[in-house]
PDB file of N, CA and C in Angstrom:
ATOM      1  N   MET A   1      33.749  19.517  16.200  1.00  0.00           N
ATOM      2  CA  MET A   1      32.437  19.289  15.632  1.00  0.00           C
ATOM      3  C   MET A   1      32.466  19.804  14.190  1.00  0.00           C
ATOM      4  N   ASN A   2      32.107  18.950  13.259  1.00  0.00           N
ATOM      5  CA  ASN A   2      32.117  19.370  11.858  1.00  0.00           C
ATOM      6  C   ASN A   2      30.849  20.154  11.526  1.00  0.00           C
ATOM      7  N   HIS A   3      30.795  20.662  10.302  1.00  0.00           N
ATOM      8  CA  HIS A   3      29.679  21.510   9.869  1.00  0.00           C
ATOM      9  C   HIS A   3      28.338  20.767   9.953  1.00  0.00           C
ATOM     10  N   TYR A   4      28.316  19.494   9.561  1.00  0.00           N
ATOM     11  CA  TYR A   4      27.086  18.694   9.608  1.00  0.00           C
ATOM     12  C   TYR A   4      26.593  18.560  11.047  1.00  0.00           C
ATOM     13  N   GLN A   5      27.487  18.268  11.968  1.00  0.00           N
ATOM     14  CA  GLN A   5      27.111  18.106  13.373  1.00  0.00           C
ATOM     15  C   GLN A   5      26.612  19.422  13.966  1.00  0.00           C
ATOM     16  N   GLN A   6      27.223  20.540  13.585  1.00  0.00           N
ATOM     17  CA  GLN A   6      26.772  21.839  14.076  1.00  0.00           C
ATOM     18  C   GLN A   6      25.350  22.137  13.598  1.00  0.00           C
ATOM     19  N   ASN A   7      25.077  21.873  12.318  1.00  0.00           N
ATOM     20  CA  ASN A   7      23.735  22.104  11.783  1.00  0.00           C
ATOM     21  C   ASN A   7      22.707  21.193  12.448  1.00  0.00           C
ATOM     22  N   GLN A   8      23.097  19.937  12.684  1.00  0.00           N
ATOM     23  CA  GLN A   8      22.192  18.984  13.316  1.00  0.00           C
ATOM     24  C   GLN A   8      21.878  19.432  14.754  1.00  0.00           C
ATOM     25  N   ALA A   9      22.885  19.876  15.489  1.00  0.00           N
ATOM     26  CA  ALA A   9      22.684  20.341  16.863  1.00  0.00           C
ATOM     27  C   ALA A   9      21.797  21.593  16.871  1.00  0.00           C
ATOM     28  N   ARG A  10      22.034  22.515  15.922  1.00  0.00           N
ATOM     29  CA  ARG A  10      21.227  23.726  15.841  1.00  0.00           C
ATOM     30  C   ARG A  10      19.768  23.383  15.525  1.00  0.00           C
ATOM     31  N   ASP A  11      19.553  22.474  14.573  1.00  0.00           N
ATOM     32  CA  ASP A  11      18.198  22.077  14.204  1.00  0.00           C
ATOM     33  C   ASP A  11      17.486  21.390  15.358  1.00  0.00           C
ATOM     34  N   MET A  12      18.211  20.622  16.143  1.00  0.00           N
ATOM     35  CA  MET A  12      17.604  19.929  17.286  1.00  0.00           C
ATOM     36  C   MET A  12      17.064  20.946  18.294  1.00  0.00           C
ATOM     37  N   HIS A  13      17.835  22.012  18.546  1.00  0.00           N
ATOM     38  CA  HIS A  13      17.394  23.037  19.494  1.00  0.00           C
ATOM     39  C   HIS A  13      16.259  23.876  18.914  1.00  0.00           C
ATOM     40  N   ALA A  14      16.245  24.054  17.605  1.00  0.00           N
ATOM     41  CA  ALA A  14      15.200  24.850  16.969  1.00  0.00           C
ATOM     42  C   ALA A  14      13.841  24.168  17.080  1.00  0.00           C
ATOM     43  N   ASN A  15      13.811  22.851  17.196  1.00  0.00           N
ATOM     44  CA  ASN A  15      12.561  22.108  17.281  1.00  0.00           C
ATOM     45  C   ASN A  15      12.045  21.964  18.705  1.00  0.00           C
ATOM     46  N   GLN A  16      12.792  22.454  19.669  1.00  0.00           N
ATOM     47  CA  GLN A  16      12.365  22.359  21.065  1.00  0.00           C
ATOM     48  C   GLN A  16      11.255  23.377  21.309  1.00  0.00           C
ATOM     49  N   PRO A  17      10.154  22.946  21.927  1.00  0.00           N
ATOM     50  CA  PRO A  17       9.079  23.905  22.204  1.00  0.00           C
ATOM     51  C   PRO A  17       9.507  24.912  23.259  1.00  0.00           C
ATOM     52  N   MET A  18       9.029  26.121  23.095  1.00  0.00           N
ATOM     53  CA  MET A  18       9.296  27.163  24.086  1.00  0.00           C
ATOM     54  C   MET A  18       8.439  26.869  25.322  1.00  0.00           C
ATOM     55  N   PRO A  19       8.976  27.105  26.508  1.00  0.00           N
ATOM     56  CA  PRO A  19       8.152  26.882  27.706  1.00  0.00           C
ATOM     57  C   PRO A  19       6.970  27.849  27.725  1.00  0.00           C
ATOM     58  N   LEU A  20       5.817  27.352  28.156  1.00  0.00           N
ATOM     59  CA  LEU A  20       4.614  28.186  28.227  1.00  0.00           C
ATOM     60  C   LEU A  20       4.681  29.100  29.434  1.00  0.00           C
ATOM     61  N   GLN A  21       4.222  30.314  29.258  1.00  0.00           N
ATOM     62  CA  GLN A  21       4.110  31.253  30.361  1.00  0.00           C
ATOM     63  C   GLN A  21       2.678  31.764  30.377  1.00  0.00           C
ATOM     64  N   TYR A  22       2.042  31.695  31.532  1.00  0.00           N
ATOM     65  CA  TYR A  22       0.669  32.151  31.671  1.00  0.00           C
ATOM     66  C   TYR A  22       0.655  33.480  32.407  1.00  0.00           C
ATOM     67  N   TYR A  23      -0.200  34.371  31.942  1.00  0.00           N
ATOM     68  CA  TYR A  23      -0.355  35.669  32.574  1.00  0.00           C
ATOM     69  C   TYR A  23      -1.824  35.901  32.862  1.00  0.00           C
ATOM     70  N   THR A  24      -2.100  36.563  33.945  1.00  0.00           N
ATOM     71  CA  THR A  24      -3.461  36.999  34.228  1.00  0.00           C
ATOM     72  C   THR A  24      -3.386  38.443  34.705  1.00  0.00           C
ATOM     73  N   LEU A  25      -4.325  39.232  34.248  1.00  0.00           N
ATOM     74  CA  LEU A  25      -4.367  40.622  34.667  1.00  0.00           C
ATOM     75  C   LEU A  25      -5.141  40.720  35.966  1.00  0.00           C
ATOM     76  N   VAL A  26      -4.598  41.432  36.916  1.00  0.00           N
ATOM     77  CA  VAL A  26      -5.236  41.597  38.215  1.00  0.00           C
ATOM     78  C   VAL A  26      -5.563  43.070  38.389  1.00  0.00           C
ATOM     79  N   ASP A  27      -6.813  43.337  38.728  1.00  0.00           N
ATOM     80  CA  ASP A  27      -7.216  44.700  39.028  1.00  0.00           C
ATOM     81  C   ASP A  27      -7.292  44.827  40.545  1.00  0.00           C
ATOM     82  N   PRO A  28      -6.287  45.435  41.167  1.00  0.00           N
ATOM     83  CA  PRO A  28      -6.250  45.482  42.638  1.00  0.00           C
ATOM     84  C   PRO A  28      -7.443  46.205  43.252  1.00  0.00           C
ATOM     85  N   PHE A  29      -8.040  47.156  42.530  1.00  0.00           N
ATOM     86  CA  PHE A  29      -9.192  47.880  43.072  1.00  0.00           C
ATOM     87  C   PHE A  29     -10.417  46.968  43.147  1.00  0.00           C
ATOM     88  N   VAL A  30     -10.612  46.134  42.136  1.00  0.00           N
ATOM     89  CA  VAL A  30     -11.734  45.189  42.157  1.00  0.00           C
ATOM     90  C   VAL A  30     -11.527  44.169  43.274  1.00  0.00           C
ATOM     91  N   VAL A  31     -10.321  43.641  43.391  1.00  0.00           N
ATOM     92  CA  VAL A  31     -10.030  42.652  44.445  1.00  0.00           C
ATOM     93  C   VAL A  31     -10.249  43.272  45.818  1.00  0.00           C
ATOM     94  N   GLN A  32      -9.758  44.482  46.025  1.00  0.00           N
ATOM     95  CA  GLN A  32      -9.922  45.164  47.317  1.00  0.00           C
ATOM     96  C   GLN A  32     -11.399  45.394  47.632  1.00  0.00           C
ATOM     97  N   THR A  33     -12.163  45.829  46.648  1.00  0.00           N
ATOM     98  CA  THR A  33     -13.592  46.072  46.853  1.00  0.00           C
ATOM     99  C   THR A  33     -14.318  44.767  47.167  1.00  0.00           C
ATOM    100  N   LEU A  34     -13.997  43.707  46.439  1.00  0.00           N
ATOM    101  CA  LEU A  34     -14.630  42.408  46.701  1.00  0.00           C
ATOM    102  C   LEU A  34     -14.306  41.908  48.106  1.00  0.00           C
ATOM    103  N   LYS A  35     -13.068  42.107  48.544  1.00  0.00           N
ATOM    104  CA  LYS A  35     -12.697  41.655  49.893  1.00  0.00           C
ATOM    105  C   LYS A  35     -13.499  42.381  50.967  1.00  0.00           C
ATOM    106  N   SER A  36     -13.972  43.583  50.665  1.00  0.00           N
ATOM    107  CA  SER A  36     -14.748  44.334  51.664  1.00  0.00           C
ATOM    108  C   SER A  36     -16.162  43.785  51.823  1.00  0.00           C
ATOM    109  N   VAL A  37     -16.613  42.912  50.924  1.00  0.00           N
ATOM    110  CA  VAL A  37     -17.970  42.361  51.022  1.00  0.00           C
ATOM    111  C   VAL A  37     -17.968  40.838  51.216  1.00  0.00           C
ATOM    112  N   VAL A  38     -16.834  40.274  51.656  1.00  0.00           N
ATOM    113  CA  VAL A  38     -16.794  38.838  51.956  1.00  0.00           C
ATOM    114  C   VAL A  38     -17.812  38.548  53.051  1.00  0.00           C
ATOM    115  N   GLY A  39     -18.574  37.481  52.867  1.00  0.00           N
ATOM    116  CA  GLY A  39     -19.608  37.097  53.829  1.00  0.00           C
ATOM    117  C   GLY A  39     -20.979  37.655  53.502  1.00  0.00           C
ATOM    118  N   LYS A  40     -21.056  38.578  52.564  1.00  0.00           N
ATOM    119  CA  LYS A  40     -22.339  39.184  52.199  1.00  0.00           C
ATOM    120  C   LYS A  40     -22.961  38.483  51.001  1.00  0.00           C
ATOM    121  N   MET A  41     -24.274  38.649  50.861  1.00  0.00           N
ATOM    122  CA  MET A  41     -25.001  38.103  49.721  1.00  0.00           C
ATOM    123  C   MET A  41     -24.840  39.050  48.536  1.00  0.00           C
ATOM    124  N   LEU A  42     -24.574  38.472  47.369  1.00  0.00           N
ATOM    125  CA  LEU A  42     -24.348  39.260  46.170  1.00  0.00           C
ATOM    126  C   LEU A  42     -25.098  38.660  44.984  1.00  0.00           C
ATOM    127  N   ILE A  43     -25.363  39.509  44.021  1.00  0.00           N
ATOM    128  CA  ILE A  43     -25.779  39.042  42.702  1.00  0.00           C
ATOM    129  C   ILE A  43     -24.593  39.336  41.795  1.00  0.00           C
ATOM    130  N   VAL A  44     -24.031  38.287  41.208  1.00  0.00           N
ATOM    131  CA  VAL A  44     -22.858  38.427  40.342  1.00  0.00           C
ATOM    132  C   VAL A  44     -23.267  38.064  38.922  1.00  0.00           C
ATOM    133  N   GLU A  45     -23.209  39.051  38.050  1.00  0.00           N
ATOM    134  CA  GLU A  45     -23.501  38.808  36.640  1.00  0.00           C
ATOM    135  C   GLU A  45     -22.179  38.550  35.928  1.00  0.00           C
ATOM    136  N   THR A  46     -22.092  37.412  35.236  1.00  0.00           N
ATOM    137  CA  THR A  46     -20.887  37.079  34.480  1.00  0.00           C
ATOM    138  C   THR A  46     -21.201  37.145  32.989  1.00  0.00           C
ATOM    139  N   THR A  47     -20.200  36.908  32.187  1.00  0.00           N
ATOM    140  CA  THR A  47     -20.401  36.890  30.738  1.00  0.00           C
ATOM    141  C   THR A  47     -21.279  35.721  30.320  1.00  0.00           C
ATOM    142  N   LYS A  48     -21.466  34.743  31.219  1.00  0.00           N
ATOM    143  CA  LYS A  48     -22.246  33.547  30.882  1.00  0.00           C
ATOM    144  C   LYS A  48     -23.613  33.515  31.547  1.00  0.00           C
ATOM    145  N   ASP A  49     -23.683  33.849  32.843  1.00  0.00           N
ATOM    146  CA  ASP A  49     -24.951  33.787  33.575  1.00  0.00           C
ATOM    147  C   ASP A  49     -24.906  34.686  34.798  1.00  0.00           C
ATOM    148  N   THR A  50     -25.935  34.585  35.635  1.00  0.00           N
ATOM    149  CA  THR A  50     -26.015  35.369  36.865  1.00  0.00           C
ATOM    150  C   THR A  50     -26.119  34.419  38.044  1.00  0.00           C
ATOM    151  N   ILE A  51     -25.343  34.711  39.099  1.00  0.00           N
ATOM    152  CA  ILE A  51     -25.327  33.866  40.299  1.00  0.00           C
ATOM    153  C   ILE A  51     -25.682  34.741  41.494  1.00  0.00           C
ATOM    154  N   ARG A  52     -26.605  34.233  42.306  1.00  0.00           N
ATOM    155  CA  ARG A  52     -26.980  34.900  43.555  1.00  0.00           C
ATOM    156  C   ARG A  52     -26.464  34.015  44.679  1.00  0.00           C
ATOM    157  N   GLY A  53     -25.539  34.547  45.484  1.00  0.00           N
ATOM    158  CA  GLY A  53     -24.991  33.732  46.551  1.00  0.00           C
ATOM    159  C   GLY A  53     -24.159  34.543  47.518  1.00  0.00           C
ATOM    160  N   GLN A  54     -23.603  33.831  48.500  1.00  0.00           N
ATOM    161  CA  GLN A  54     -22.785  34.469  49.525  1.00  0.00           C
ATOM    162  C   GLN A  54     -21.319  34.387  49.118  1.00  0.00           C
ATOM    163  N   LEU A  55     -20.640  35.527  49.182  1.00  0.00           N
ATOM    164  CA  LEU A  55     -19.220  35.579  48.836  1.00  0.00           C
ATOM    165  C   LEU A  55     -18.404  34.967  49.966  1.00  0.00           C
ATOM    166  N   GLN A  56     -17.692  33.902  49.650  1.00  0.00           N
ATOM    167  CA  GLN A  56     -16.909  33.183  50.654  1.00  0.00           C
ATOM    168  C   GLN A  56     -15.441  33.597  50.672  1.00  0.00           C
ATOM    169  N   ASP A  57     -14.865  33.828  49.480  1.00  0.00           N
ATOM    170  CA  ASP A  57     -13.430  34.083  49.399  1.00  0.00           C
ATOM    171  C   ASP A  57     -13.129  34.904  48.151  1.00  0.00           C
ATOM    172  N   VAL A  58     -12.033  35.650  48.212  1.00  0.00           N
ATOM    173  CA  VAL A  58     -11.567  36.444  47.074  1.00  0.00           C
ATOM    174  C   VAL A  58     -10.084  36.167  46.884  1.00  0.00           C
ATOM    175  N   GLN A  59      -9.712  35.812  45.668  1.00  0.00           N
ATOM    176  CA  GLN A  59      -8.317  35.619  45.286  1.00  0.00           C
ATOM    177  C   GLN A  59      -8.013  36.597  44.158  1.00  0.00           C
ATOM    178  N   PRO A  60      -6.746  36.772  43.802  1.00  0.00           N
ATOM    179  CA  PRO A  60      -6.432  37.734  42.741  1.00  0.00           C
ATOM    180  C   PRO A  60      -7.112  37.438  41.405  1.00  0.00           C
ATOM    181  N   ASP A  61      -7.422  36.155  41.140  1.00  0.00           N
ATOM    182  CA  ASP A  61      -7.986  35.805  39.836  1.00  0.00           C
ATOM    183  C   ASP A  61      -9.406  35.264  39.877  1.00  0.00           C
ATOM    184  N   HIS A  62      -9.938  34.947  41.072  1.00  0.00           N
ATOM    185  CA  HIS A  62     -11.286  34.384  41.147  1.00  0.00           C
ATOM    186  C   HIS A  62     -11.940  34.674  42.494  1.00  0.00           C
ATOM    187  N   ILE A  63     -13.269  34.483  42.513  1.00  0.00           N
ATOM    188  CA  ILE A  63     -14.021  34.571  43.765  1.00  0.00           C
ATOM    189  C   ILE A  63     -14.708  33.230  43.991  1.00  0.00           C
ATOM    190  N   VAL A  64     -15.094  32.989  45.241  1.00  0.00           N
ATOM    191  CA  VAL A  64     -15.826  31.777  45.602  1.00  0.00           C
ATOM    192  C   VAL A  64     -17.171  32.204  46.173  1.00  0.00           C
ATOM    193  N   LEU A  65     -18.243  31.717  45.542  1.00  0.00           N
ATOM    194  CA  LEU A  65     -19.610  32.007  45.977  1.00  0.00           C
ATOM    195  C   LEU A  65     -20.297  30.714  46.360  1.00  0.00           C
ATOM    196  N   THR A  66     -21.121  30.754  47.399  1.00  0.00           N
ATOM    197  CA  THR A  66     -21.978  29.605  47.699  1.00  0.00           C
ATOM    198  C   THR A  66     -23.422  30.033  47.474  1.00  0.00           C
ATOM    199  N   ALA A  67     -24.144  29.165  46.791  1.00  0.00           N
ATOM    200  CA  ALA A  67     -25.568  29.380  46.532  1.00  0.00           C
ATOM    201  C   ALA A  67     -26.260  28.075  46.864  1.00  0.00           C
ATOM    202  N   GLY A  68     -26.983  28.058  47.980  1.00  0.00           N
ATOM    203  CA  GLY A  68     -27.589  26.809  48.441  1.00  0.00           C
ATOM    204  C   GLY A  68     -26.495  25.822  48.806  1.00  0.00           C
ATOM    205  N   ASP A  69     -26.548  24.631  48.235  1.00  0.00           N
ATOM    206  CA  ASP A  69     -25.534  23.610  48.493  1.00  0.00           C
ATOM    207  C   ASP A  69     -24.411  23.627  47.458  1.00  0.00           C
ATOM    208  N   SER A  70     -24.430  24.587  46.555  1.00  0.00           N
ATOM    209  CA  SER A  70     -23.451  24.638  45.472  1.00  0.00           C
ATOM    210  C   SER A  70     -22.386  25.692  45.731  1.00  0.00           C
ATOM    211  N   THR A  71     -21.172  25.393  45.297  1.00  0.00           N
ATOM    212  CA  THR A  71     -20.053  26.330  45.368  1.00  0.00           C
ATOM    213  C   THR A  71     -19.651  26.692  43.952  1.00  0.00           C
ATOM    214  N   PHE A  72     -19.470  27.985  43.719  1.00  0.00           N
ATOM    215  CA  PHE A  72     -19.084  28.469  42.392  1.00  0.00           C
ATOM    216  C   PHE A  72     -17.748  29.191  42.498  1.00  0.00           C
ATOM    217  N   PHE A  73     -16.854  28.876  41.595  1.00  0.00           N
ATOM    218  CA  PHE A  73     -15.575  29.552  41.461  1.00  0.00           C
ATOM    219  C   PHE A  73     -15.668  30.387  40.182  1.00  0.00           C
ATOM    220  N   VAL A  74     -15.665  31.698  40.340  1.00  0.00           N
ATOM    221  CA  VAL A  74     -15.897  32.596  39.212  1.00  0.00           C
ATOM    222  C   VAL A  74     -14.631  33.406  38.957  1.00  0.00           C
ATOM    223  N   ARG A  75     -14.133  33.346  37.725  1.00  0.00           N
ATOM    224  CA  ARG A  75     -12.973  34.159  37.359  1.00  0.00           C
ATOM    225  C   ARG A  75     -13.367  35.631  37.371  1.00  0.00           C
ATOM    226  N   ILE A  76     -12.560  36.452  38.000  1.00  0.00           N
ATOM    227  CA  ILE A  76     -12.859  37.880  38.092  1.00  0.00           C
ATOM    228  C   ILE A  76     -12.948  38.500  36.701  1.00  0.00           C
ATOM    229  N   GLN A  77     -12.144  38.022  35.760  1.00  0.00           N
ATOM    230  CA  GLN A  77     -12.181  38.571  34.395  1.00  0.00           C
ATOM    231  C   GLN A  77     -13.515  38.319  33.713  1.00  0.00           C
ATOM    232  N   GLN A  78     -14.303  37.364  34.212  1.00  0.00           N
ATOM    233  CA  GLN A  78     -15.596  37.051  33.615  1.00  0.00           C
ATOM    234  C   GLN A  78     -16.757  37.819  34.250  1.00  0.00           C
ATOM    235  N   ILE A  79     -16.474  38.568  35.307  1.00  0.00           N
ATOM    236  CA  ILE A  79     -17.516  39.309  36.014  1.00  0.00           C
ATOM    237  C   ILE A  79     -17.849  40.603  35.251  1.00  0.00           C
ATOM    238  N   VAL A  80     -19.155  40.821  35.055  1.00  0.00           N
ATOM    239  CA  VAL A  80     -19.634  42.042  34.392  1.00  0.00           C
ATOM    240  C   VAL A  80     -20.082  43.046  35.447  1.00  0.00           C
ATOM    241  N   THR A  81     -20.964  42.609  36.356  1.00  0.00           N
ATOM    242  CA  THR A  81     -21.413  43.497  37.437  1.00  0.00           C
ATOM    243  C   THR A  81     -21.578  42.695  38.721  1.00  0.00           C
ATOM    244  N   ILE A  82     -21.516  43.417  39.842  1.00  0.00           N
ATOM    245  CA  ILE A  82     -21.742  42.841  41.175  1.00  0.00           C
ATOM    246  C   ILE A  82     -22.689  43.772  41.904  1.00  0.00           C
ATOM    247  N   MET A  83     -23.721  43.176  42.518  1.00  0.00           N
ATOM    248  CA  MET A  83     -24.676  43.991  43.258  1.00  0.00           C
ATOM    249  C   MET A  83     -24.951  43.331  44.613  1.00  0.00           C
ATOM    250  N   PRO A  84     -24.714  44.065  45.704  1.00  0.00           N
ATOM    251  CA  PRO A  84     -25.062  43.525  47.023  1.00  0.00           C
ATOM    252  C   PRO A  84     -26.579  43.395  47.142  1.00  0.00           C
ATOM    253  N   ILE A  85     -27.012  42.384  47.894  1.00  0.00           N
ATOM    254  CA  ILE A  85     -28.453  42.168  48.102  1.00  0.00           C
ATOM    255  C   ILE A  85     -28.821  42.777  49.447  1.00  0.00           C
TER     256      ILE A  85
END
């Protein structure tokens, strides 16, 4: 491989996008506490609004609430406060 071909090969690899890696922070104490109130009615205040509903499920990154006929998937990182009803 001559010098031109080496530079061309190097430049080709330099233009390749790096693979994306996603990270989420998990607070195990919050997840554990939320799991202890699954099935109960809660008021969940988020950075956007407040939802009053029954806690259906808890995952490391989100919770599932039902309020009437609606289901809400709320990211735990967006939760400000939680109050049992």
